[in-house]
Full PDB file with SEQRES, HELIX, SHEET, SSBOND, CRYST1, ORIGX, SCALE, CONECT and MASTER records, all heavy atoms in Angstrom:
SEQRES   1 A   39  ASP ASP GLU ALA LEU LEU ALA ARG PHE THR GLU ARG LYS          
SEQRES   2 A   39  LEU PRO SER SER LEU TYR ALA ARG SER ILE ASP PRO THR          
SEQRES   3 A   39  GLY GLU THR VAL LEU GLY LEU ILE GLU ALA ASP PRO MET          
HELIX    1 AA1 ASP A    2  ARG A   12  1                                  11    
HELIX    2 AA2 SER A   16  ILE A   23  1                                   8    
HELIX    3 AA3 LEU A   31  GLU A   35  1                                   5    
CRYST1    1.000    1.000    1.000  90.00  90.00  90.00 P 1           1          
ORIGX1      1.000000  0.000000  0.000000        0.00000                         
ORIGX2      0.000000  1.000000  0.000000        0.00000                         
ORIGX3      0.000000  0.000000  1.000000        0.00000                         
SCALE1      1.000000  0.000000  0.000000        0.00000                         
SCALE2      0.000000  1.000000  0.000000        0.00000                         
SCALE3      0.000000  0.000000  1.000000        0.00000                         
ATOM      1  N   ASP A   1       0.838  -1.199   0.000  1.00  0.00           N  
ATOM      2  CA  ASP A   1       0.000   0.000   0.000  1.00  0.00           C  
ATOM      3  C   ASP A   1       0.878   1.256   0.000  1.00  0.00           C  
ATOM      4  O   ASP A   1       1.917   1.312   0.677  1.00  0.00           O  
ATOM      5  CB  ASP A   1      -0.893  -0.032   1.247  1.00  0.00           C  
ATOM      6  CG  ASP A   1      -1.730   1.200   1.381  1.00  0.00           C  
ATOM      7  OD1 ASP A   1      -2.699   1.345   0.624  1.00  0.00           O  
ATOM      8  OD2 ASP A   1      -1.405   2.041   2.257  1.00  0.00           O  
ATOM      9  N   ASP A   2       0.452   2.281  -0.754  1.00  0.00           N  
ATOM     10  CA  ASP A   2       1.244   3.513  -0.870  1.00  0.00           C  
ATOM     11  C   ASP A   2       1.516   4.146   0.487  1.00  0.00           C  
ATOM     12  O   ASP A   2       2.636   4.633   0.749  1.00  0.00           O  
ATOM     13  CB  ASP A   2       0.518   4.528  -1.767  1.00  0.00           C  
ATOM     14  CG  ASP A   2       0.657   4.202  -3.249  1.00  0.00           C  
ATOM     15  OD1 ASP A   2       1.335   3.202  -3.573  1.00  0.00           O  
ATOM     16  OD2 ASP A   2       0.093   4.946  -4.080  1.00  0.00           O  
ATOM     17  N   GLU A   3       0.522   4.162   1.349  1.00  0.00           N  
ATOM     18  CA  GLU A   3       0.694   4.793   2.659  1.00  0.00           C  
ATOM     19  C   GLU A   3       1.775   4.082   3.473  1.00  0.00           C  
ATOM     20  O   GLU A   3       2.625   4.730   4.100  1.00  0.00           O  
ATOM     21  CB  GLU A   3      -0.637   4.788   3.406  1.00  0.00           C  
ATOM     22  CG  GLU A   3      -0.601   5.549   4.723  1.00  0.00           C  
ATOM     23  CD  GLU A   3      -1.958   5.599   5.402  1.00  0.00           C  
ATOM     24  OE1 GLU A   3      -2.972   5.298   4.732  1.00  0.00           O  
ATOM     25  OE2 GLU A   3      -2.001   5.942   6.594  1.00  0.00           O  
ATOM     26  N   ALA A   4       1.741   2.748   3.443  1.00  0.00           N  
ATOM     27  CA  ALA A   4       2.757   1.988   4.169  1.00  0.00           C  
ATOM     28  C   ALA A   4       4.138   2.193   3.554  1.00  0.00           C  
ATOM     29  O   ALA A   4       5.142   2.321   4.266  1.00  0.00           O  
ATOM     30  CB  ALA A   4       2.385   0.508   4.166  1.00  0.00           C  
ATOM     31  N   LEU A   5       4.193   2.220   2.230  1.00  0.00           N  
ATOM     32  CA  LEU A   5       5.475   2.450   1.549  1.00  0.00           C  
ATOM     33  C   LEU A   5       6.052   3.826   1.902  1.00  0.00           C  
ATOM     34  O   LEU A   5       7.248   3.960   2.201  1.00  0.00           O  
ATOM     35  CB  LEU A   5       5.282   2.342   0.039  1.00  0.00           C  
ATOM     36  CG  LEU A   5       5.570   0.985  -0.611  1.00  0.00           C  
ATOM     37  CD1 LEU A   5       5.167   1.023  -2.072  1.00  0.00           C  
ATOM     38  CD2 LEU A   5       7.020   0.587  -0.464  1.00  0.00           C  
ATOM     39  N   LEU A   6       5.199   4.835   1.873  1.00  0.00           N  
ATOM     40  CA  LEU A   6       5.672   6.188   2.175  1.00  0.00           C  
ATOM     41  C   LEU A   6       6.190   6.281   3.607  1.00  0.00           C  
ATOM     42  O   LEU A   6       7.183   6.974   3.871  1.00  0.00           O  
ATOM     43  CB  LEU A   6       4.531   7.189   1.946  1.00  0.00           C  
ATOM     44  CG  LEU A   6       4.174   7.436   0.469  1.00  0.00           C  
ATOM     45  CD1 LEU A   6       2.859   8.195   0.345  1.00  0.00           C  
ATOM     46  CD2 LEU A   6       5.297   8.214  -0.227  1.00  0.00           C  
ATOM     47  N   ALA A   7       5.539   5.569   4.525  1.00  0.00           N  
ATOM     48  CA  ALA A   7       6.017   5.564   5.917  1.00  0.00           C  
ATOM     49  C   ALA A   7       7.397   4.927   6.002  1.00  0.00           C  
ATOM     50  O   ALA A   7       8.280   5.417   6.746  1.00  0.00           O  
ATOM     51  CB  ALA A   7       5.020   4.814   6.798  1.00  0.00           C  
ATOM     52  N   ARG A   8       7.622   3.839   5.250  1.00  0.00           N  
ATOM     53  CA  ARG A   8       8.920   3.188   5.284  1.00  0.00           C  
ATOM     54  C   ARG A   8       9.995   4.066   4.616  1.00  0.00           C  
ATOM     55  O   ARG A   8      11.122   4.148   5.104  1.00  0.00           O  
ATOM     56  CB  ARG A   8       8.840   1.829   4.591  1.00  0.00           C  
ATOM     57  CG  ARG A   8      10.126   1.008   4.676  1.00  0.00           C  
ATOM     58  CD  ARG A   8      10.461   0.646   6.129  1.00  0.00           C  
ATOM     59  NE  ARG A   8       9.456  -0.206   6.723  1.00  0.00           N  
ATOM     60  CZ  ARG A   8       9.475  -1.546   6.657  1.00  0.00           C  
ATOM     61  NH1 ARG A   8      10.468  -2.150   6.014  1.00  0.00           N  
ATOM     62  NH2 ARG A   8       8.528  -2.249   7.235  1.00  0.00           N  
ATOM     63  N   PHE A   9       9.669   4.736   3.525  1.00  0.00           N  
ATOM     64  CA  PHE A   9      10.614   5.644   2.867  1.00  0.00           C  
ATOM     65  C   PHE A   9      10.975   6.810   3.796  1.00  0.00           C  
ATOM     66  O   PHE A   9      12.128   7.238   3.857  1.00  0.00           O  
ATOM     67  CB  PHE A   9      10.042   6.171   1.556  1.00  0.00           C  
ATOM     68  CG  PHE A   9      10.241   5.244   0.388  1.00  0.00           C  
ATOM     69  CD1 PHE A   9       9.224   4.415  -0.057  1.00  0.00           C  
ATOM     70  CD2 PHE A   9      11.463   5.197  -0.263  1.00  0.00           C  
ATOM     71  CE1 PHE A   9       9.410   3.559  -1.131  1.00  0.00           C  
ATOM     72  CE2 PHE A   9      11.665   4.342  -1.346  1.00  0.00           C  
ATOM     73  CZ  PHE A   9      10.642   3.521  -1.780  1.00  0.00           C  
ATOM     74  N   THR A  10       9.969   7.296   4.521  1.00  0.00           N  
ATOM     75  CA  THR A  10      10.225   8.382   5.470  1.00  0.00           C  
ATOM     76  C   THR A  10      11.157   7.919   6.574  1.00  0.00           C  
ATOM     77  O   THR A  10      12.092   8.633   6.968  1.00  0.00           O  
ATOM     78  CB  THR A  10       8.894   8.873   6.072  1.00  0.00           C  
ATOM     79  OG1 THR A  10       8.024   9.306   5.023  1.00  0.00           O  
ATOM     80  CG2 THR A  10       9.123  10.016   7.043  1.00  0.00           C  
ATOM     81  N   GLU A  11      10.917   6.717   7.079  1.00  0.00           N  
ATOM     82  CA  GLU A  11      11.755   6.161   8.142  1.00  0.00           C  
ATOM     83  C   GLU A  11      13.200   6.001   7.687  1.00  0.00           C  
ATOM     84  O   GLU A  11      14.142   6.268   8.456  1.00  0.00           O  
ATOM     85  CB  GLU A  11      11.173   4.805   8.568  1.00  0.00           C  
ATOM     86  CG  GLU A  11      11.943   4.110   9.661  1.00  0.00           C  
ATOM     87  CD  GLU A  11      11.403   2.715   9.914  1.00  0.00           C  
ATOM     88  OE1 GLU A  11      10.241   2.439   9.532  1.00  0.00           O  
ATOM     89  OE2 GLU A  11      12.135   1.890  10.492  1.00  0.00           O  
ATOM     90  N   ARG A  12      13.392   5.587   6.433  1.00  0.00           N  
ATOM     91  CA  ARG A  12      14.746   5.363   5.922  1.00  0.00           C  
ATOM     92  C   ARG A  12      15.334   6.621   5.261  1.00  0.00           C  
ATOM     93  O   ARG A  12      16.451   6.587   4.778  1.00  0.00           O  
ATOM     94  CB  ARG A  12      14.727   4.221   4.897  1.00  0.00           C  
ATOM     95  CG  ARG A  12      14.417   2.848   5.487  1.00  0.00           C  
ATOM     96  CD  ARG A  12      15.562   2.366   6.380  1.00  0.00           C  
ATOM     97  NE  ARG A  12      15.405   0.967   6.725  1.00  0.00           N  
ATOM     98  CZ  ARG A  12      14.763   0.514   7.784  1.00  0.00           C  
ATOM     99  NH1 ARG A  12      14.201   1.378   8.627  1.00  0.00           N  
ATOM    100  NH2 ARG A  12      14.691  -0.784   8.029  1.00  0.00           N  
ATOM    101  N   LYS A  13      14.545   7.690   5.253  1.00  0.00           N  
ATOM    102  CA  LYS A  13      14.985   8.950   4.647  1.00  0.00           C  
ATOM    103  C   LYS A  13      15.403   8.754   3.188  1.00  0.00           C  
ATOM    104  O   LYS A  13      16.464   9.193   2.738  1.00  0.00           O  
ATOM    105  CB  LYS A  13      16.127   9.575   5.452  1.00  0.00           C  
ATOM    106  CG  LYS A  13      15.717  10.030   6.844  1.00  0.00           C  
ATOM    107  CD  LYS A  13      16.856  10.692   7.584  1.00  0.00           C  
ATOM    108  CE  LYS A  13      16.400  11.324   8.885  1.00  0.00           C  
ATOM    109  NZ  LYS A  13      15.686  10.404   9.789  1.00  0.00           N  
ATOM    110  N   LEU A  14      14.514   8.108   2.446  1.00  0.00           N  
ATOM    111  CA  LEU A  14      14.746   7.844   1.026  1.00  0.00           C  
ATOM    112  C   LEU A  14      13.631   8.480   0.201  1.00  0.00           C  
ATOM    113  O   LEU A  14      12.455   8.490   0.619  1.00  0.00           O  
ATOM    114  CB  LEU A  14      14.758   6.337   0.749  1.00  0.00           C  
ATOM    115  CG  LEU A  14      15.945   5.531   1.278  1.00  0.00           C  
ATOM    116  CD1 LEU A  14      15.704   4.050   1.046  1.00  0.00           C  
ATOM    117  CD2 LEU A  14      17.233   5.977   0.604  1.00  0.00           C  
ATOM    118  N   PRO A  15      13.951   8.958  -0.977  1.00  0.00           N  
ATOM    119  CA  PRO A  15      12.906   9.511  -1.851  1.00  0.00           C  
ATOM    120  C   PRO A  15      12.094   8.388  -2.488  1.00  0.00           C  
ATOM    121  O   PRO A  15      12.647   7.398  -2.955  1.00  0.00           O  
ATOM    122  CB  PRO A  15      13.693  10.297  -2.900  1.00  0.00           C  
ATOM    123  CG  PRO A  15      15.027   9.621  -2.945  1.00  0.00           C  
ATOM    124  CD  PRO A  15      15.299   9.138  -1.555  1.00  0.00           C  
ATOM    125  N   SER A  16      10.782   8.539  -2.487  1.00  0.00           N  
ATOM    126  CA  SER A  16       9.913   7.515  -3.083  1.00  0.00           C  
ATOM    127  C   SER A  16       9.717   7.728  -4.574  1.00  0.00           C  
ATOM    128  O   SER A  16       9.331   6.802  -5.298  1.00  0.00           O  
ATOM    129  CB  SER A  16       8.554   7.498  -2.374  1.00  0.00           C  
ATOM    130  OG  SER A  16       7.921   8.771  -2.505  1.00  0.00           O  
ATOM    131  N   SER A  17       9.977   8.939  -5.070  1.00  0.00           N  
ATOM    132  CA  SER A  17       9.696   9.230  -6.478  1.00  0.00           C  
ATOM    133  C   SER A  17      10.637   8.467  -7.412  1.00  0.00           C  
ATOM    134  O   SER A  17      10.205   8.036  -8.498  1.00  0.00           O  
ATOM    135  CB  SER A  17       9.797  10.734  -6.730  1.00  0.00           C  
ATOM    136  OG  SER A  17      11.072  11.221  -6.323  1.00  0.00           O  
ATOM    137  N   LEU A  18      11.885   8.280  -7.017  1.00  0.00           N  
ATOM    138  CA  LEU A  18      12.801   7.533  -7.876  1.00  0.00           C  
ATOM    139  C   LEU A  18      12.365   6.073  -8.007  1.00  0.00           C  
ATOM    140  O   LEU A  18      12.426   5.482  -9.088  1.00  0.00           O  
ATOM    141  CB  LEU A  18      14.226   7.616  -7.322  1.00  0.00           C  
ATOM    142  CG  LEU A  18      14.868   9.004  -7.344  1.00  0.00           C  
ATOM    143  CD1 LEU A  18      16.245   8.955  -6.709  1.00  0.00           C  
ATOM    144  CD2 LEU A  18      14.953   9.536  -8.767  1.00  0.00           C  
ATOM    145  N   TYR A  19      11.913   5.489  -6.903  1.00  0.00           N  
ATOM    146  CA  TYR A  19      11.367   4.120  -6.935  1.00  0.00           C  
ATOM    147  C   TYR A  19      10.123   4.083  -7.819  1.00  0.00           C  
ATOM    148  O   TYR A  19       9.956   3.195  -8.660  1.00  0.00           O  
ATOM    149  CB  TYR A  19      11.043   3.669  -5.510  1.00  0.00           C  
ATOM    150  CG  TYR A  19      10.093   2.503  -5.411  1.00  0.00           C  
ATOM    151  CD1 TYR A  19      10.487   1.215  -5.734  1.00  0.00           C  
ATOM    152  CD2 TYR A  19       8.771   2.694  -4.987  1.00  0.00           C  
ATOM    153  CE1 TYR A  19       9.605   0.140  -5.640  1.00  0.00           C  
ATOM    154  CE2 TYR A  19       7.889   1.635  -4.885  1.00  0.00           C  
ATOM    155  CZ  TYR A  19       8.306   0.366  -5.209  1.00  0.00           C  
ATOM    156  OH  TYR A  19       7.439  -0.692  -5.112  1.00  0.00           O  
ATOM    157  N   ALA A  20       9.252   5.069  -7.660  1.00  0.00           N  
ATOM    158  CA  ALA A  20       8.012   5.100  -8.435  1.00  0.00           C  
ATOM    159  C   ALA A  20       8.298   5.206  -9.928  1.00  0.00           C  
ATOM    160  O   ALA A  20       7.678   4.519 -10.748  1.00  0.00           O  
ATOM    161  CB  ALA A  20       7.148   6.270  -7.968  1.00  0.00           C  
ATOM    162  N   ARG A  21       9.259   6.055 -10.322  1.00  0.00           N  
ATOM    163  CA  ARG A  21       9.578   6.232 -11.732  1.00  0.00           C  
ATOM    164  C   ARG A  21      10.198   4.966 -12.336  1.00  0.00           C  
ATOM    165  O   ARG A  21      10.033   4.706 -13.535  1.00  0.00           O  
ATOM    166  CB  ARG A  21      10.547   7.396 -11.898  1.00  0.00           C  
ATOM    167  CG  ARG A  21       9.982   8.758 -11.554  1.00  0.00           C  
ATOM    168  CD  ARG A  21       8.995   9.245 -12.577  1.00  0.00           C  
ATOM    169  NE  ARG A  21       8.539  10.603 -12.277  1.00  0.00           N  
ATOM    170  CZ  ARG A  21       7.600  11.232 -12.955  1.00  0.00           C  
ATOM    171  NH1 ARG A  21       6.998  10.636 -13.978  1.00  0.00           N  
ATOM    172  NH2 ARG A  21       7.238  12.454 -12.635  1.00  0.00           N  
ATOM    173  N   SER A  22      10.881   4.180 -11.511  1.00  0.00           N  
ATOM    174  CA  SER A  22      11.450   2.929 -12.036  1.00  0.00           C  
ATOM    175  C   SER A  22      10.368   1.897 -12.314  1.00  0.00           C  
ATOM    176  O   SER A  22      10.567   0.979 -13.104  1.00  0.00           O  
ATOM    177  CB  SER A  22      12.469   2.365 -11.031  1.00  0.00           C  
ATOM    178  OG  SER A  22      11.833   1.849  -9.882  1.00  0.00           O  
ATOM    179  N   ILE A  23       9.213   2.046 -11.681  1.00  0.00           N  
ATOM    180  CA  ILE A  23       8.083   1.149 -11.933  1.00  0.00           C  
ATOM    181  C   ILE A  23       7.298   1.622 -13.152  1.00  0.00           C  
ATOM    182  O   ILE A  23       6.936   0.844 -14.026  1.00  0.00           O  
ATOM    183  CB  ILE A  23       7.157   1.079 -10.695  1.00  0.00           C  
ATOM    184  CG1 ILE A  23       7.894   0.469  -9.511  1.00  0.00           C  
ATOM    185  CG2 ILE A  23       5.899   0.278 -11.001  1.00  0.00           C  
ATOM    186  CD1 ILE A  23       7.110   0.508  -8.219  1.00  0.00           C  
ATOM    187  N   ASP A  24       7.019   2.923 -13.196  1.00  0.00           N  
ATOM    188  CA  ASP A  24       6.228   3.508 -14.287  1.00  0.00           C  
ATOM    189  C   ASP A  24       6.841   4.858 -14.640  1.00  0.00           C  
ATOM    190  O   ASP A  24       6.602   5.857 -13.946  1.00  0.00           O  
ATOM    191  CB  ASP A  24       4.772   3.673 -13.848  1.00  0.00           C  
ATOM    192  CG  ASP A  24       3.891   4.261 -14.940  1.00  0.00           C  
ATOM    193  OD1 ASP A  24       4.406   4.497 -16.060  1.00  0.00           O  
ATOM    194  OD2 ASP A  24       2.706   4.502 -14.668  1.00  0.00           O  
ATOM    195  N   PRO A  25       7.642   4.917 -15.697  1.00  0.00           N  
ATOM    196  CA  PRO A  25       8.290   6.184 -16.076  1.00  0.00           C  
ATOM    197  C   PRO A  25       7.298   7.314 -16.338  1.00  0.00           C  
ATOM    198  O   PRO A  25       7.627   8.493 -16.166  1.00  0.00           O  
ATOM    199  CB  PRO A  25       9.060   5.826 -17.349  1.00  0.00           C  
ATOM    200  CG  PRO A  25       9.297   4.348 -17.234  1.00  0.00           C  
ATOM    201  CD  PRO A  25       8.088   3.803 -16.546  1.00  0.00           C  
ATOM    202  N   THR A  26       6.054   6.980 -16.742  1.00  0.00           N  
ATOM    203  CA  THR A  26       5.062   8.036 -16.997  1.00  0.00           C  
ATOM    204  C   THR A  26       4.523   8.620 -15.699  1.00  0.00           C  
ATOM    205  O   THR A  26       4.006   9.748 -15.688  1.00  0.00           O  
ATOM    206  CB  THR A  26       3.886   7.474 -17.809  1.00  0.00           C  
ATOM    207  OG1 THR A  26       3.136   6.547 -17.006  1.00  0.00           O  
ATOM    208  CG2 THR A  26       4.378   6.775 -19.069  1.00  0.00           C  
ATOM    209  N   GLY A  27       4.589   7.860 -14.621  1.00  0.00           N  
ATOM    210  CA  GLY A  27       4.106   8.326 -13.323  1.00  0.00           C  
ATOM    211  C   GLY A  27       2.620   8.198 -13.125  1.00  0.00           C  
ATOM    212  O   GLY A  27       2.097   8.497 -12.041  1.00  0.00           O  
ATOM    213  N   GLU A  28       1.885   7.725 -14.122  1.00  0.00           N  
ATOM    214  CA  GLU A  28       0.421   7.700 -14.030  1.00  0.00           C  
ATOM    215  C   GLU A  28      -0.080   6.738 -12.954  1.00  0.00           C  
ATOM    216  O   GLU A  28      -1.030   7.053 -12.233  1.00  0.00           O  
ATOM    217  CB  GLU A  28      -0.174   7.323 -15.393  1.00  0.00           C  
ATOM    218  CG  GLU A  28       0.056   8.366 -16.475  1.00  0.00           C  
ATOM    219  CD  GLU A  28      -0.555   7.948 -17.798  1.00  0.00           C  
ATOM    220  OE1 GLU A  28      -1.202   6.881 -17.833  1.00  0.00           O  
ATOM    221  OE2 GLU A  28      -0.395   8.684 -18.789  1.00  0.00           O  
ATOM    222  N   THR A  29       0.525   5.555 -12.856  1.00  0.00           N  
ATOM    223  CA  THR A  29       0.024   4.547 -11.904  1.00  0.00           C  
ATOM    224  C   THR A  29       0.666   4.676 -10.524  1.00  0.00           C  
ATOM    225  O   THR A  29       0.298   3.942  -9.612  1.00  0.00           O  
ATOM    226  CB  THR A  29       0.296   3.132 -12.460  1.00  0.00           C  
ATOM    227  OG1 THR A  29       1.708   2.949 -12.618  1.00  0.00           O  
ATOM    228  CG2 THR A  29      -0.400   2.932 -13.780  1.00  0.00           C  
ATOM    229  N   VAL A  30       1.632   5.588 -10.390  1.00  0.00           N  
ATOM    230  CA  VAL A  30       2.342   5.730  -9.104  1.00  0.00           C  
ATOM    231  C   VAL A  30       2.332   7.191  -8.652  1.00  0.00           C  
ATOM    232  O   VAL A  30       3.242   7.643  -7.955  1.00  0.00           O  
ATOM    233  CB  VAL A  30       3.797   5.214  -9.232  1.00  0.00           C  
ATOM    234  CG1 VAL A  30       3.820   3.700  -9.322  1.00  0.00           C  
ATOM    235  CG2 VAL A  30       4.496   5.845 -10.427  1.00  0.00           C  
ATOM    236  N   LEU A  31       1.297   7.906  -9.056  1.00  0.00           N  
ATOM    237  CA  LEU A  31       1.246   9.344  -8.785  1.00  0.00           C  
ATOM    238  C   LEU A  31       1.299   9.649  -7.291  1.00  0.00           C  
ATOM    239  O   LEU A  31       1.923  10.637  -6.863  1.00  0.00           O  
ATOM    240  CB  LEU A  31      -0.028   9.934  -9.404  1.00  0.00           C  
ATOM    241  CG  LEU A  31      -0.095  11.463  -9.510  1.00  0.00           C  
ATOM    242  CD1 LEU A  31       1.068  11.984 -10.348  1.00  0.00           C  
ATOM    243  CD2 LEU A  31      -1.434  11.891 -10.107  1.00  0.00           C  
ATOM    244  N   GLY A  32       0.672   8.796  -6.492  1.00  0.00           N  
ATOM    245  CA  GLY A  32       0.665   9.026  -5.043  1.00  0.00           C  
ATOM    246  C   GLY A  32       2.056   8.992  -4.450  1.00  0.00           C  
ATOM    247  O   GLY A  32       2.378   9.779  -3.543  1.00  0.00           O  
ATOM    248  N   LEU A  33       2.902   8.078  -4.934  1.00  0.00           N  
ATOM    249  CA  LEU A  33       4.268   7.970  -4.420  1.00  0.00           C  
ATOM    250  C   LEU A  33       5.133   9.147  -4.881  1.00  0.00           C  
ATOM    251  O   LEU A  33       6.094   9.529  -4.196  1.00  0.00           O  
ATOM    252  CB  LEU A  33       4.890   6.651  -4.894  1.00  0.00           C  
ATOM    253  CG  LEU A  33       4.283   5.370  -4.334  1.00  0.00           C  
ATOM    254  CD1 LEU A  33       4.914   4.151  -4.994  1.00  0.00           C  
ATOM    255  CD2 LEU A  33       4.450   5.303  -2.820  1.00  0.00           C  
ATOM    256  N   ILE A  34       4.783   9.720  -6.022  1.00  0.00           N  
ATOM    257  CA  ILE A  34       5.553  10.855  -6.536  1.00  0.00           C  
ATOM    258  C   ILE A  34       5.157  12.142  -5.809  1.00  0.00           C  
ATOM    259  O   ILE A  34       6.008  12.910  -5.340  1.00  0.00           O  
ATOM    260  CB  ILE A  34       5.341  11.004  -8.054  1.00  0.00           C  
ATOM    261  CG1 ILE A  34       5.924   9.793  -8.792  1.00  0.00           C  
ATOM    262  CG2 ILE A  34       5.981  12.296  -8.568  1.00  0.00           C  
ATOM    263  CD1 ILE A  34       5.616   9.764 -10.273  1.00  0.00           C  
ATOM    264  N   GLU A  35       3.859  12.376  -5.703  1.00  0.00           N  
ATOM    265  CA  GLU A  35       3.393  13.631  -5.101  1.00  0.00           C  
ATOM    266  C   GLU A  35       3.662  13.693  -3.599  1.00  0.00           C  
ATOM    267  O   GLU A  35       3.871  14.774  -3.049  1.00  0.00           O  
ATOM    268  CB  GLU A  35       1.901  13.809  -5.374  1.00  0.00           C  
ATOM    269  CG  GLU A  35       1.575  14.043  -6.845  1.00  0.00           C  
ATOM    270  CD  GLU A  35       0.101  14.284  -7.076  1.00  0.00           C  
ATOM    271  OE1 GLU A  35      -0.688  13.935  -6.175  1.00  0.00           O  
ATOM    272  OE2 GLU A  35      -0.248  14.803  -8.158  1.00  0.00           O  
ATOM    273  N   ALA A  36       3.628  12.521  -2.926  1.00  0.00           N  
ATOM    274  CA  ALA A  36       3.829  12.510  -1.465  1.00  0.00           C  
ATOM    275  C   ALA A  36       5.248  12.115  -1.084  1.00  0.00           C  
ATOM    276  O   ALA A  36       5.486  11.684   0.048  1.00  0.00           O  
ATOM    277  CB  ALA A  36       2.819  11.561  -0.826  1.00  0.00           C  
ATOM    278  N   ASP A  37       6.199  12.274  -2.000  1.00  0.00           N  
ATOM    279  CA  ASP A  37       7.601  11.916  -1.726  1.00  0.00           C  
ATOM    280  C   ASP A  37       8.084  12.615  -0.459  1.00  0.00           C  
ATOM    281  O   ASP A  37       8.093  13.858  -0.382  1.00  0.00           O  
ATOM    282  CB  ASP A  37       8.456  12.339  -2.926  1.00  0.00           C  
ATOM    283  CG  ASP A  37       9.897  11.849  -2.807  1.00  0.00           C  
ATOM    284  OD1 ASP A  37      10.339  11.521  -1.697  1.00  0.00           O  
ATOM    285  OD2 ASP A  37      10.576  11.790  -3.855  1.00  0.00           O  
ATOM    286  N   PRO A  38       8.480  11.854   0.572  1.00  0.00           N  
ATOM    287  CA  PRO A  38       8.892  12.486   1.838  1.00  0.00           C  
ATOM    288  C   PRO A  38      10.167  13.327   1.712  1.00  0.00           C  
ATOM    289  O   PRO A  38      10.421  14.176   2.562  1.00  0.00           O  
ATOM    290  CB  PRO A  38       9.099  11.293   2.774  1.00  0.00           C  
ATOM    291  CG  PRO A  38       9.363  10.133   1.882  1.00  0.00           C  
ATOM    292  CD  PRO A  38       8.557  10.390   0.645  1.00  0.00           C  
ATOM    293  N   MET A  39      10.959  13.068   0.697  1.00  0.00           N  
ATOM    294  CA  MET A  39      12.201  13.822   0.501  1.00  0.00           C  
ATOM    295  C   MET A  39      12.061  14.893  -0.590  1.00  0.00           C  
ATOM    296  O   MET A  39      13.051  15.451  -1.060  1.00  0.00           O  
ATOM    297  CB  MET A  39      13.336  12.857   0.117  1.00  0.00           C  
ATOM    298  CG  MET A  39      13.637  11.797   1.147  1.00  0.00           C  
ATOM    299  SD  MET A  39      14.359  12.467   2.671  1.00  0.00           S  
ATOM    300  CE  MET A  39      12.981  12.282   3.820  1.00  0.00           C  
TER     301      MET A  39                                                      
MASTER        0    0    0    3    0    0    0    6  300    1    0    3          
END                                                                             
C-alpha cells in the first residue's frame, strides 16, 4: 500500500519518487508515491 510504503521511505529517509519512476516512467500509476515523496 502507498501509505505503508511512504512511511517506510520516510523512516529510511529515502525519496519515493525515484522508486516510483522505475516502476512507471510516466508516473500515471504511481502518482501518489511521486506527489507525497517524503524527501
